[in-house]
Amino acid sequence: MLTAAPPRIFVGVAPVDLRRGLDGLCAVIQHHLALNPFDGAWYLFRNKASTRLKLVVFDGTGFWLCYRRLERGTWVWPKADDQVMTLSYAQFLVLIQGADWRRIQTPREIRPSLI
């Protein structure tokens, strides 16, 4: 089952041929991103036009392969020197809605010294 907030969300920075099925995307995770598709993290990929997404998740009993298509516009996609980057859950939720995920800021942690 998909959890409300995954432990980690990895985003493949380069576009992927989304004609690939689950096994093909797991091969991308293992060989191109050098990660383990069985670790419970969420893996997000986009097509070249940035109009379609696929999400790969292993929940401990099997894989989920989720697909999303925008009817208008494109996704704002991460640009990085590495092949993969991580997003927070809040950034992920904004990204899949088609909004600019880079504008989401997590609150700074406060460490009080006195009560």
PDB file of N, CA and C in Angstrom:
ATOM      1  N   MET A   1       0.835  -1.174   0.000  1.00  0.00           N
ATOM      2  CA  MET A   1       0.000   0.000   0.000  1.00  0.00           C
ATOM      3  C   MET A   1       0.883   1.242   0.000  1.00  0.00           C
ATOM      4  N   LEU A   2       0.459   2.272  -0.713  1.00  0.00           N
ATOM      5  CA  LEU A   2       1.212   3.526  -0.713  1.00  0.00           C
ATOM      6  C   LEU A   2       1.035   4.219   0.627  1.00  0.00           C
ATOM      7  N   THR A   3       2.131   4.674   1.194  1.00  0.00           N
ATOM      8  CA  THR A   3       2.064   5.393   2.457  1.00  0.00           C
ATOM      9  C   THR A   3       1.783   6.862   2.197  1.00  0.00           C
ATOM     10  N   ALA A   4       1.275   7.544   3.208  1.00  0.00           N
ATOM     11  CA  ALA A   4       0.946   8.963   3.048  1.00  0.00           C
ATOM     12  C   ALA A   4       2.195   9.790   2.765  1.00  0.00           C
ATOM     13  N   ALA A   5       3.252   9.508   3.466  1.00  0.00           N
ATOM     14  CA  ALA A   5       4.504  10.241   3.244  1.00  0.00           C
ATOM     15  C   ALA A   5       5.638   9.224   3.179  1.00  0.00           C
ATOM     16  N   PRO A   6       6.250   9.053   2.023  1.00  0.00           N
ATOM     17  CA  PRO A   6       7.317   8.058   1.882  1.00  0.00           C
ATOM     18  C   PRO A   6       8.586   8.491   2.599  1.00  0.00           C
ATOM     19  N   PRO A   7       9.475   7.526   2.865  1.00  0.00           N
ATOM     20  CA  PRO A   7      10.736   7.888   3.518  1.00  0.00           C
ATOM     21  C   PRO A   7      11.604   8.790   2.647  1.00  0.00           C
ATOM     22  N   ARG A   8      11.617   8.540   1.325  1.00  0.00           N
ATOM     23  CA  ARG A   8      12.404   9.361   0.402  1.00  0.00           C
ATOM     24  C   ARG A   8      11.710   9.396  -0.951  1.00  0.00           C
ATOM     25  N   ILE A   9      11.870  10.507  -1.660  1.00  0.00           N
ATOM     26  CA  ILE A   9      11.346  10.633  -3.017  1.00  0.00           C
ATOM     27  C   ILE A   9      12.514  11.008  -3.918  1.00  0.00           C
ATOM     28  N   PHE A  10      12.834  10.125  -4.850  1.00  0.00           N
ATOM     29  CA  PHE A  10      13.911  10.361  -5.802  1.00  0.00           C
ATOM     30  C   PHE A  10      13.312  10.742  -7.148  1.00  0.00           C
ATOM     31  N   VAL A  11      13.909  11.739  -7.783  1.00  0.00           N
ATOM     32  CA  VAL A  11      13.445  12.220  -9.082  1.00  0.00           C
ATOM     33  C   VAL A  11      14.564  12.005 -10.093  1.00  0.00           C
ATOM     34  N   GLY A  12      14.257  11.270 -11.149  1.00  0.00           N
ATOM     35  CA  GLY A  12      15.205  11.134 -12.249  1.00  0.00           C
ATOM     36  C   GLY A  12      15.239  12.440 -13.018  1.00  0.00           C
ATOM     37  N   VAL A  13      16.377  13.083 -13.076  1.00  0.00           N
ATOM     38  CA  VAL A  13      16.475  14.417 -13.672  1.00  0.00           C
ATOM     39  C   VAL A  13      16.319  14.364 -15.195  1.00  0.00           C
ATOM     40  N   ALA A  14      16.945  13.403 -15.830  1.00  0.00           N
ATOM     41  CA  ALA A  14      16.866  13.292 -17.296  1.00  0.00           C
ATOM     42  C   ALA A  14      15.530  12.667 -17.710  1.00  0.00           C
ATOM     43  N   PRO A  15      15.006  13.056 -18.859  1.00  0.00           N
ATOM     44  CA  PRO A  15      13.762  12.435 -19.338  1.00  0.00           C
ATOM     45  C   PRO A  15      13.973  10.950 -19.648  1.00  0.00           C
ATOM     46  N   VAL A  16      12.889  10.189 -19.519  1.00  0.00           N
ATOM     47  CA  VAL A  16      12.913   8.747 -19.744  1.00  0.00           C
ATOM     48  C   VAL A  16      11.830   8.406 -20.761  1.00  0.00           C
ATOM     49  N   ASP A  17      12.092   7.424 -21.591  1.00  0.00           N
ATOM     50  CA  ASP A  17      11.079   6.923 -22.520  1.00  0.00           C
ATOM     51  C   ASP A  17      10.011   6.208 -21.697  1.00  0.00           C
ATOM     52  N   LEU A  18       8.848   6.833 -21.549  1.00  0.00           N
ATOM     53  CA  LEU A  18       7.814   6.277 -20.681  1.00  0.00           C
ATOM     54  C   LEU A  18       7.050   5.126 -21.319  1.00  0.00           C
ATOM     55  N   ARG A  19       7.481   4.684 -22.485  1.00  0.00           N
ATOM     56  CA  ARG A  19       6.947   3.422 -23.000  1.00  0.00           C
ATOM     57  C   ARG A  19       7.508   2.261 -22.192  1.00  0.00           C
ATOM     58  N   ARG A  20       8.560   2.540 -21.424  1.00  0.00           N
ATOM     59  CA  ARG A  20       9.107   1.514 -20.527  1.00  0.00           C
ATOM     60  C   ARG A  20       8.049   1.158 -19.492  1.00  0.00           C
ATOM     61  N   GLY A  21       7.968  -0.099 -19.206  1.00  0.00           N
ATOM     62  CA  GLY A  21       7.076  -0.567 -18.153  1.00  0.00           C
ATOM     63  C   GLY A  21       7.801  -0.611 -16.825  1.00  0.00           C
ATOM     64  N   LEU A  22       7.230  -1.348 -15.906  1.00  0.00           N
ATOM     65  CA  LEU A  22       7.780  -1.445 -14.563  1.00  0.00           C
ATOM     66  C   LEU A  22       9.200  -2.007 -14.563  1.00  0.00           C
ATOM     67  N   ASP A  23       9.420  -3.096 -15.276  1.00  0.00           N
ATOM     68  CA  ASP A  23      10.755  -3.702 -15.288  1.00  0.00           C
ATOM     69  C   ASP A  23      11.791  -2.770 -15.910  1.00  0.00           C
ATOM     70  N   GLY A  24      11.421  -2.070 -16.967  1.00  0.00           N
ATOM     71  CA  GLY A  24      12.340  -1.132 -17.605  1.00  0.00           C
ATOM     72  C   GLY A  24      12.696   0.030 -16.700  1.00  0.00           C
ATOM     73  N   LEU A  25      11.711   0.549 -15.961  1.00  0.00           N
ATOM     74  CA  LEU A  25      11.985   1.652 -15.034  1.00  0.00           C
ATOM     75  C   LEU A  25      12.804   1.173 -13.837  1.00  0.00           C
ATOM     76  N   CYS A  26      12.562  -0.056 -13.375  1.00  0.00           N
ATOM     77  CA  CYS A  26      13.395  -0.606 -12.297  1.00  0.00           C
ATOM     78  C   CYS A  26      14.841  -0.760 -12.762  1.00  0.00           C
ATOM     79  N   ALA A  27      15.035  -1.109 -14.027  1.00  0.00           N
ATOM     80  CA  ALA A  27      16.394  -1.185 -14.576  1.00  0.00           C
ATOM     81  C   ALA A  27      17.046   0.193 -14.586  1.00  0.00           C
ATOM     82  N   VAL A  28      16.285   1.235 -14.914  1.00  0.00           N
ATOM     83  CA  VAL A  28      16.814   2.607 -14.869  1.00  0.00           C
ATOM     84  C   VAL A  28      17.215   2.951 -13.441  1.00  0.00           C
ATOM     85  N   ILE A  29      16.367   2.607 -12.473  1.00  0.00           N
ATOM     86  CA  ILE A  29      16.661   2.890 -11.065  1.00  0.00           C
ATOM     87  C   ILE A  29      17.965   2.210 -10.653  1.00  0.00           C
ATOM     88  N   GLN A  30      18.123   0.944 -11.015  1.00  0.00           N
ATOM     89  CA  GLN A  30      19.314   0.195 -10.603  1.00  0.00           C
ATOM     90  C   GLN A  30      20.570   0.601 -11.360  1.00  0.00           C
ATOM     91  N   HIS A  31      20.487   0.701 -12.668  1.00  0.00           N
ATOM     92  CA  HIS A  31      21.699   0.858 -13.475  1.00  0.00           C
ATOM     93  C   HIS A  31      22.084   2.314 -13.756  1.00  0.00           C
ATOM     94  N   HIS A  32      21.117   3.185 -13.936  1.00  0.00           N
ATOM     95  CA  HIS A  32      21.437   4.583 -14.251  1.00  0.00           C
ATOM     96  C   HIS A  32      21.489   5.458 -12.995  1.00  0.00           C
ATOM     97  N   LEU A  33      20.580   5.193 -12.057  1.00  0.00           N
ATOM     98  CA  LEU A  33      20.562   6.005 -10.840  1.00  0.00           C
ATOM     99  C   LEU A  33      21.363   5.371  -9.710  1.00  0.00           C
ATOM    100  N   ALA A  34      21.756   4.103  -9.869  1.00  0.00           N
ATOM    101  CA  ALA A  34      22.527   3.360  -8.858  1.00  0.00           C
ATOM    102  C   ALA A  34      21.805   3.316  -7.516  1.00  0.00           C
ATOM    103  N   LEU A  35      20.491   3.064  -7.571  1.00  0.00           N
ATOM    104  CA  LEU A  35      19.668   2.965  -6.369  1.00  0.00           C
ATOM    105  C   LEU A  35      18.956   1.617  -6.363  1.00  0.00           C
ATOM    106  N   ASN A  36      18.291   1.310  -5.252  1.00  0.00           N
ATOM    107  CA  ASN A  36      17.614   0.026  -5.082  1.00  0.00           C
ATOM    108  C   ASN A  36      16.102   0.219  -5.168  1.00  0.00           C
ATOM    109  N   PRO A  37      15.437  -0.292  -6.202  1.00  0.00           N
ATOM    110  CA  PRO A  37      13.991  -0.088  -6.329  1.00  0.00           C
ATOM    111  C   PRO A  37      13.179  -0.799  -5.251  1.00  0.00           C
ATOM    112  N   PHE A  38      13.800  -1.691  -4.476  1.00  0.00           N
ATOM    113  CA  PHE A  38      13.098  -2.430  -3.427  1.00  0.00           C
ATOM    114  C   PHE A  38      13.173  -1.750  -2.062  1.00  0.00           C
ATOM    115  N   ASP A  39      13.730  -0.540  -1.977  1.00  0.00           N
ATOM    116  CA  ASP A  39      13.967   0.080  -0.670  1.00  0.00           C
ATOM    117  C   ASP A  39      12.786   0.861  -0.103  1.00  0.00           C
ATOM    118  N   GLY A  40      11.648   0.903  -0.791  1.00  0.00           N
ATOM    119  CA  GLY A  40      10.469   1.598  -0.270  1.00  0.00           C
ATOM    120  C   GLY A  40      10.396   3.065  -0.636  1.00  0.00           C
ATOM    121  N   ALA A  41      11.438   3.590  -1.265  1.00  0.00           N
ATOM    122  CA  ALA A  41      11.408   4.992  -1.700  1.00  0.00           C
ATOM    123  C   ALA A  41      10.493   5.120  -2.916  1.00  0.00           C
ATOM    124  N   TRP A  42      10.106   6.346  -3.220  1.00  0.00           N
ATOM    125  CA  TRP A  42       9.316   6.629  -4.420  1.00  0.00           C
ATOM    126  C   TRP A  42      10.270   7.138  -5.491  1.00  0.00           C
ATOM    127  N   TYR A  43      10.091   6.662  -6.717  1.00  0.00           N
ATOM    128  CA  TYR A  43      10.935   7.055  -7.846  1.00  0.00           C
ATOM    129  C   TYR A  43      10.052   7.677  -8.913  1.00  0.00           C
ATOM    130  N   LEU A  44      10.336   8.920  -9.263  1.00  0.00           N
ATOM    131  CA  LEU A  44       9.514   9.679 -10.194  1.00  0.00           C
ATOM    132  C   LEU A  44      10.292   9.960 -11.475  1.00  0.00           C
ATOM    133  N   PHE A  45       9.639   9.722 -12.617  1.00  0.00           N
ATOM    134  CA  PHE A  45      10.245   9.941 -13.929  1.00  0.00           C
ATOM    135  C   PHE A  45       9.303  10.753 -14.800  1.00  0.00           C
ATOM    136  N   ARG A  46       9.869  11.468 -15.782  1.00  0.00           N
ATOM    137  CA  ARG A  46       9.066  12.249 -16.723  1.00  0.00           C
ATOM    138  C   ARG A  46       9.448  11.888 -18.146  1.00  0.00           C
ATOM    139  N   ASN A  47       8.563  12.257 -19.079  1.00  0.00           N
ATOM    140  CA  ASN A  47       8.896  12.089 -20.490  1.00  0.00           C
ATOM    141  C   ASN A  47       9.637  13.329 -20.988  1.00  0.00           C
ATOM    142  N   LYS A  48      10.091  13.292 -22.232  1.00  0.00           N
ATOM    143  CA  LYS A  48      10.894  14.384 -22.793  1.00  0.00           C
ATOM    144  C   LYS A  48      10.120  15.695 -22.859  1.00  0.00           C
ATOM    145  N   ALA A  49       8.824  15.631 -23.144  1.00  0.00           N
ATOM    146  CA  ALA A  49       8.004  16.838 -23.262  1.00  0.00           C
ATOM    147  C   ALA A  49       7.553  17.383 -21.907  1.00  0.00           C
ATOM    148  N   SER A  50       7.851  16.686 -20.819  1.00  0.00           N
ATOM    149  CA  SER A  50       7.437  17.074 -19.457  1.00  0.00           C
ATOM    150  C   SER A  50       5.923  17.197 -19.325  1.00  0.00           C
ATOM    151  N   THR A  51       5.202  16.309 -19.979  1.00  0.00           N
ATOM    152  CA  THR A  51       3.740  16.300 -19.877  1.00  0.00           C
ATOM    153  C   THR A  51       3.218  15.028 -19.220  1.00  0.00           C
ATOM    154  N   ARG A  52       4.095  14.060 -18.997  1.00  0.00           N
ATOM    155  CA  ARG A  52       3.693  12.786 -18.405  1.00  0.00           C
ATOM    156  C   ARG A  52       4.691  12.376 -17.326  1.00  0.00           C
ATOM    157  N   LEU A  53       4.166  11.704 -16.296  1.00  0.00           N
ATOM    158  CA  LEU A  53       4.986  11.203 -15.197  1.00  0.00           C
ATOM    159  C   LEU A  53       4.682   9.735 -14.953  1.00  0.00           C
ATOM    160  N   LYS A  54       5.674   9.018 -14.463  1.00  0.00           N
ATOM    161  CA  LYS A  54       5.469   7.682 -13.916  1.00  0.00           C
ATOM    162  C   LYS A  54       6.163   7.621 -12.566  1.00  0.00           C
ATOM    163  N   LEU A  55       5.473   7.000 -11.617  1.00  0.00           N
ATOM    164  CA  LEU A  55       5.971   6.837 -10.257  1.00  0.00           C
ATOM    165  C   LEU A  55       6.101   5.345  -9.979  1.00  0.00           C
ATOM    166  N   VAL A  56       7.263   4.922  -9.489  1.00  0.00           N
ATOM    167  CA  VAL A  56       7.515   3.524  -9.143  1.00  0.00           C
ATOM    168  C   VAL A  56       7.701   3.434  -7.638  1.00  0.00           C
ATOM    169  N   VAL A  57       6.959   2.516  -7.006  1.00  0.00           N
ATOM    170  CA  VAL A  57       7.036   2.329  -5.558  1.00  0.00           C
ATOM    171  C   VAL A  57       6.975   0.835  -5.249  1.00  0.00           C
ATOM    172  N   PHE A  58       7.869   0.368  -4.385  1.00  0.00           N
ATOM    173  CA  PHE A  58       7.774  -0.991  -3.852  1.00  0.00           C
ATOM    174  C   PHE A  58       7.288  -0.875  -2.422  1.00  0.00           C
ATOM    175  N   ASP A  59       6.164  -1.543  -2.096  1.00  0.00           N
ATOM    176  CA  ASP A  59       5.567  -1.394  -0.765  1.00  0.00           C
ATOM    177  C   ASP A  59       5.842  -2.566   0.170  1.00  0.00           C
ATOM    178  N   GLY A  60       6.743  -3.460  -0.208  1.00  0.00           N
ATOM    179  CA  GLY A  60       7.058  -4.604   0.638  1.00  0.00           C
ATOM    180  C   GLY A  60       6.414  -5.888   0.151  1.00  0.00           C
ATOM    181  N   THR A  61       5.325  -5.772  -0.604  1.00  0.00           N
ATOM    182  CA  THR A  61       4.659  -6.961  -1.138  1.00  0.00           C
ATOM    183  C   THR A  61       4.609  -6.961  -2.658  1.00  0.00           C
ATOM    184  N   GLY A  62       4.836  -5.822  -3.260  1.00  0.00           N
ATOM    185  CA  GLY A  62       4.798  -5.707  -4.714  1.00  0.00           C
ATOM    186  C   GLY A  62       5.047  -4.274  -5.143  1.00  0.00           C
ATOM    187  N   PHE A  63       5.068  -4.079  -6.443  1.00  0.00           N
ATOM    188  CA  PHE A  63       5.328  -2.758  -7.006  1.00  0.00           C
ATOM    189  C   PHE A  63       4.035  -2.044  -7.372  1.00  0.00           C
ATOM    190  N   TRP A  64       4.075  -0.726  -7.258  1.00  0.00           N
ATOM    191  CA  TRP A  64       3.057   0.177  -7.790  1.00  0.00           C
ATOM    192  C   TRP A  64       3.689   0.915  -8.963  1.00  0.00           C
ATOM    193  N   LEU A  65       2.934   1.075 -10.032  1.00  0.00           N
ATOM    194  CA  LEU A  65       3.355   1.901 -11.157  1.00  0.00           C
ATOM    195  C   LEU A  65       2.215   2.871 -11.425  1.00  0.00           C
ATOM    196  N   CYS A  66       2.438   4.133 -11.092  1.00  0.00           N
ATOM    197  CA  CYS A  66       1.405   5.164 -11.236  1.00  0.00           C
ATOM    198  C   CYS A  66       1.761   6.072 -12.409  1.00  0.00           C
ATOM    199  N   TYR A  67       0.741   6.529 -13.112  1.00  0.00           N
ATOM    200  CA  TYR A  67       0.926   7.324 -14.328  1.00  0.00           C
ATOM    201  C   TYR A  67       0.090   8.591 -14.216  1.00  0.00           C
ATOM    202  N   ARG A  68       0.647   9.722 -14.609  1.00  0.00           N
ATOM    203  CA  ARG A  68      -0.090  10.995 -14.589  1.00  0.00           C
ATOM    204  C   ARG A  68       0.230  11.755 -15.866  1.00  0.00           C
ATOM    205  N   ARG A  69      -0.821  12.353 -16.441  1.00  0.00           N
ATOM    206  CA  ARG A  69      -0.659  13.131 -17.673  1.00  0.00           C
ATOM    207  C   ARG A  69      -1.299  14.498 -17.464  1.00  0.00           C
ATOM    208  N   LEU A  70      -0.571  15.544 -17.807  1.00  0.00           N
ATOM    209  CA  LEU A  70      -1.130  16.894 -17.786  1.00  0.00           C
ATOM    210  C   LEU A  70      -1.880  17.130 -19.087  1.00  0.00           C
ATOM    211  N   GLU A  71      -3.048  17.704 -18.996  1.00  0.00           N
ATOM    212  CA  GLU A  71      -3.813  18.029 -20.200  1.00  0.00           C
ATOM    213  C   GLU A  71      -3.362  19.352 -20.802  1.00  0.00           C
ATOM    214  N   ARG A  72      -2.810  20.216 -19.969  1.00  0.00           N
ATOM    215  CA  ARG A  72      -2.320  21.518 -20.423  1.00  0.00           C
ATOM    216  C   ARG A  72      -1.038  21.856 -19.676  1.00  0.00           C
ATOM    217  N   GLY A  73      -0.081  22.444 -20.369  1.00  0.00           N
ATOM    218  CA  GLY A  73       1.152  22.891 -19.719  1.00  0.00           C
ATOM    219  C   GLY A  73       2.163  21.772 -19.540  1.00  0.00           C
ATOM    220  N   THR A  74       3.220  22.095 -18.813  1.00  0.00           N
ATOM    221  CA  THR A  74       4.285  21.132 -18.532  1.00  0.00           C
ATOM    222  C   THR A  74       4.687  21.245 -17.071  1.00  0.00           C
ATOM    223  N   TRP A  75       5.365  20.222 -16.586  1.00  0.00           N
ATOM    224  CA  TRP A  75       5.864  20.259 -15.224  1.00  0.00           C
ATOM    225  C   TRP A  75       7.156  21.051 -15.157  1.00  0.00           C
ATOM    226  N   VAL A  76       7.334  21.762 -14.046  1.00  0.00           N
ATOM    227  CA  VAL A  76       8.619  22.392 -13.745  1.00  0.00           C
ATOM    228  C   VAL A  76       9.484  21.273 -13.185  1.00  0.00           C
ATOM    229  N   TRP A  77      10.564  20.949 -13.893  1.00  0.00           N
ATOM    230  CA  TRP A  77      11.351  19.774 -13.526  1.00  0.00           C
ATOM    231  C   TRP A  77      12.690  20.176 -12.948  1.00  0.00           C
ATOM    232  N   PRO A  78      13.172  19.419 -11.968  1.00  0.00           N
ATOM    233  CA  PRO A  78      14.471  19.732 -11.369  1.00  0.00           C
ATOM    234  C   PRO A  78      15.602  19.693 -12.386  1.00  0.00           C
ATOM    235  N   LYS A  79      16.519  20.618 -12.222  1.00  0.00           N
ATOM    236  CA  LYS A  79      17.754  20.615 -13.006  1.00  0.00           C
ATOM    237  C   LYS A  79      18.886  20.404 -12.011  1.00  0.00           C
ATOM    238  N   ALA A  80      19.707  19.431 -12.281  1.00  0.00           N
ATOM    239  CA  ALA A  80      20.810  19.140 -11.361  1.00  0.00           C
ATOM    240  C   ALA A  80      21.966  18.548 -12.149  1.00  0.00           C
ATOM    241  N   ASP A  81      23.137  18.608 -11.548  1.00  0.00           N
ATOM    242  CA  ASP A  81      24.313  18.007 -12.167  1.00  0.00           C
ATOM    243  C   ASP A  81      24.266  16.486 -12.065  1.00  0.00           C
ATOM    244  N   ASP A  82      23.608  15.990 -11.033  1.00  0.00           N
ATOM    245  CA  ASP A  82      23.497  14.548 -10.843  1.00  0.00           C
ATOM    246  C   ASP A  82      22.329  13.998 -11.656  1.00  0.00           C
ATOM    247  N   GLN A  83      22.272  12.684 -11.796  1.00  0.00           N
ATOM    248  CA  GLN A  83      21.181  12.043 -12.526  1.00  0.00           C
ATOM    249  C   GLN A  83      19.915  11.941 -11.693  1.00  0.00           C
ATOM    250  N   VAL A  84      20.059  12.099 -10.391  1.00  0.00           N
ATOM    251  CA  VAL A  84      18.913  11.952  -9.497  1.00  0.00           C
ATOM    252  C   VAL A  84      18.996  13.009  -8.404  1.00  0.00           C
ATOM    253  N   MET A  85      17.840  13.446  -7.940  1.00  0.00           N
ATOM    254  CA  MET A  85      17.795  14.345  -6.787  1.00  0.00           C
ATOM    255  C   MET A  85      16.616  13.950  -5.919  1.00  0.00           C
ATOM    256  N   THR A  86      16.561  14.487  -4.719  1.00  0.00           N
ATOM    257  CA  THR A  86      15.462  14.171  -3.815  1.00  0.00           C
ATOM    258  C   THR A  86      14.550  15.379  -3.666  1.00  0.00           C
ATOM    259  N   LEU A  87      13.285  15.083  -3.410  1.00  0.00           N
ATOM    260  CA  LEU A  87      12.294  16.115  -3.115  1.00  0.00           C
ATOM    261  C   LEU A  87      11.675  15.822  -1.762  1.00  0.00           C
ATOM    262  N   SER A  88      11.222  16.859  -1.084  1.00  0.00           N
ATOM    263  CA  SER A  88      10.423  16.653   0.115  1.00  0.00           C
ATOM    264  C   SER A  88       9.020  16.235  -0.322  1.00  0.00           C
ATOM    265  N   TYR A  89       8.249  15.709   0.601  1.00  0.00           N
ATOM    266  CA  TYR A  89       6.879  15.301   0.274  1.00  0.00           C
ATOM    267  C   TYR A  89       6.047  16.513  -0.149  1.00  0.00           C
ATOM    268  N   ALA A  90       6.250  17.656   0.507  1.00  0.00           N
ATOM    269  CA  ALA A  90       5.517  18.879   0.140  1.00  0.00           C
ATOM    270  C   ALA A  90       5.869  19.304  -1.287  1.00  0.00           C
ATOM    271  N   GLN A  91       7.146  19.259  -1.639  1.00  0.00           N
ATOM    272  CA  GLN A  91       7.564  19.601  -3.002  1.00  0.00           C
ATOM    273  C   GLN A  91       6.968  18.627  -4.016  1.00  0.00           C
ATOM    274  N   PHE A  92       6.947  17.339  -3.675  1.00  0.00           N
ATOM    275  CA  PHE A  92       6.360  16.324  -4.551  1.00  0.00           C
ATOM    276  C   PHE A  92       4.885  16.620  -4.819  1.00  0.00           C
ATOM    277  N   LEU A  93       4.133  16.928  -3.772  1.00  0.00           N
ATOM    278  CA  LEU A  93       2.702  17.210  -3.933  1.00  0.00           C
ATOM    279  C   LEU A  93       2.468  18.412  -4.839  1.00  0.00           C
ATOM    280  N   VAL A  94       3.286  19.427  -4.706  1.00  0.00           N
ATOM    281  CA  VAL A  94       3.157  20.611  -5.562  1.00  0.00           C
ATOM    282  C   VAL A  94       3.556  20.269  -6.995  1.00  0.00           C
ATOM    283  N   LEU A  95       4.648  19.523  -7.167  1.00  0.00           N
ATOM    284  CA  LEU A  95       5.118  19.163  -8.506  1.00  0.00           C
ATOM    285  C   LEU A  95       4.057  18.383  -9.275  1.00  0.00           C
ATOM    286  N   ILE A  96       3.439  17.376  -8.661  1.00  0.00           N
ATOM    287  CA  ILE A  96       2.481  16.553  -9.408  1.00  0.00           C
ATOM    288  C   ILE A  96       1.203  17.308  -9.747  1.00  0.00           C
ATOM    289  N   GLN A  97       0.973  18.445  -9.105  1.00  0.00           N
ATOM    290  CA  GLN A  97      -0.178  19.276  -9.466  1.00  0.00           C
ATOM    291  C   GLN A  97       0.132  20.189 -10.645  1.00  0.00           C
ATOM    292  N   GLY A  98       1.395  20.239 -11.052  1.00  0.00           N
ATOM    293  CA  GLY A  98       1.782  21.074 -12.181  1.00  0.00           C
ATOM    294  C   GLY A  98       2.264  22.452 -11.781  1.00  0.00           C
ATOM    295  N   ALA A  99       2.385  22.708 -10.481  1.00  0.00           N
ATOM    296  CA  ALA A  99       2.842  24.014  -9.997  1.00  0.00           C
ATOM    297  C   ALA A  99       4.369  23.994  -9.829  1.00  0.00           C
ATOM    298  N   ASP A 100       4.929  25.143  -9.514  1.00  0.00           N
ATOM    299  CA  ASP A 100       6.377  25.267  -9.351  1.00  0.00           C
ATOM    300  C   ASP A 100       6.778  24.804  -7.952  1.00  0.00           C
ATOM    301  N   TRP A 101       7.323  23.620  -7.857  1.00  0.00           N
ATOM    302  CA  TRP A 101       7.706  23.014  -6.588  1.00  0.00           C
ATOM    303  C   TRP A 101       8.858  23.743  -5.909  1.00  0.00           C
ATOM    304  N   ARG A 102       9.614  24.549  -6.661  1.00  0.00           N
ATOM    305  CA  ARG A 102      10.782  25.231  -6.090  1.00  0.00           C
ATOM    306  C   ARG A 102      10.389  26.343  -5.128  1.00  0.00           C
ATOM    307  N   ARG A 103       9.158  26.767  -5.157  1.00  0.00           N
ATOM    308  CA  ARG A 103       8.709  27.853  -4.286  1.00  0.00           C
ATOM    309  C   ARG A 103       8.312  27.374  -2.890  1.00  0.00           C
ATOM    310  N   ILE A 104       8.263  26.075  -2.701  1.00  0.00           N
ATOM    311  CA  ILE A 104       7.902  25.522  -1.398  1.00  0.00           C
ATOM    312  C   ILE A 104       9.121  25.556  -0.495  1.00  0.00           C
ATOM    313  N   GLN A 105       8.949  26.133   0.676  1.00  0.00           N
ATOM    314  CA  GLN A 105      10.036  26.176   1.644  1.00  0.00           C
ATOM    315  C   GLN A 105       9.582  25.484   2.917  1.00  0.00           C
ATOM    316  N   THR A 106      10.427  24.644   3.431  1.00  0.00           N
ATOM    317  CA  THR A 106      10.109  24.003   4.697  1.00  0.00           C
ATOM    318  C   THR A 106      10.514  24.945   5.822  1.00  0.00           C
ATOM    319  N   PRO A 107       9.741  24.952   6.905  1.00  0.00           N
ATOM    320  CA  PRO A 107      10.083  25.844   8.010  1.00  0.00           C
ATOM    321  C   PRO A 107      11.434  25.476   8.623  1.00  0.00           C
ATOM    322  N   ARG A 108      12.133  26.503   9.065  1.00  0.00           N
ATOM    323  CA  ARG A 108      13.420  26.265   9.721  1.00  0.00           C
ATOM    324  C   ARG A 108      13.182  25.641  11.082  1.00  0.00           C
ATOM    325  N   GLU A 109      14.052  24.721  11.432  1.00  0.00           N
ATOM    326  CA  GLU A 109      13.939  24.051  12.723  1.00  0.00           C
ATOM    327  C   GLU A 109      14.373  25.005  13.826  1.00  0.00           C
ATOM    328  N   ILE A 110      13.594  25.030  14.885  1.00  0.00           N
ATOM    329  CA  ILE A 110      13.896  25.888  16.036  1.00  0.00           C
ATOM    330  C   ILE A 110      14.433  25.001  17.152  1.00  0.00           C
ATOM    331  N   ARG A 111      15.509  25.449  17.774  1.00  0.00           N
ATOM    332  CA  ARG A 111      16.091  24.702  18.889  1.00  0.00           C
ATOM    333  C   ARG A 111      16.165  25.624  20.110  1.00  0.00           C
ATOM    334  N   PRO A 112      15.064  25.682  20.861  1.00  0.00           N
ATOM    335  CA  PRO A 112      15.070  26.543  22.042  1.00  0.00           C
ATOM    336  C   PRO A 112      16.083  26.060  23.079  1.00  0.00           C
ATOM    337  N   SER A 113      16.652  27.010  23.792  1.00  0.00           N
ATOM    338  CA  SER A 113      17.615  26.640  24.828  1.00  0.00           C
ATOM    339  C   SER A 113      17.021  26.775  26.230  1.00  0.00           C
ATOM    340  N   LEU A 114      15.945  27.557  26.343  1.00  0.00           N
ATOM    341  CA  LEU A 114      15.300  27.743  27.651  1.00  0.00           C
ATOM    342  C   LEU A 114      13.794  27.589  27.519  1.00  0.00           C
ATOM    343  N   ILE A 115      13.176  27.169  28.603  1.00  0.00           N
ATOM    344  CA  ILE A 115      11.709  27.076  28.619  1.00  0.00           C
ATOM    345  C   ILE A 115      11.157  28.236  29.400  1.00  0.00           C
TER     346      ILE A 115
END
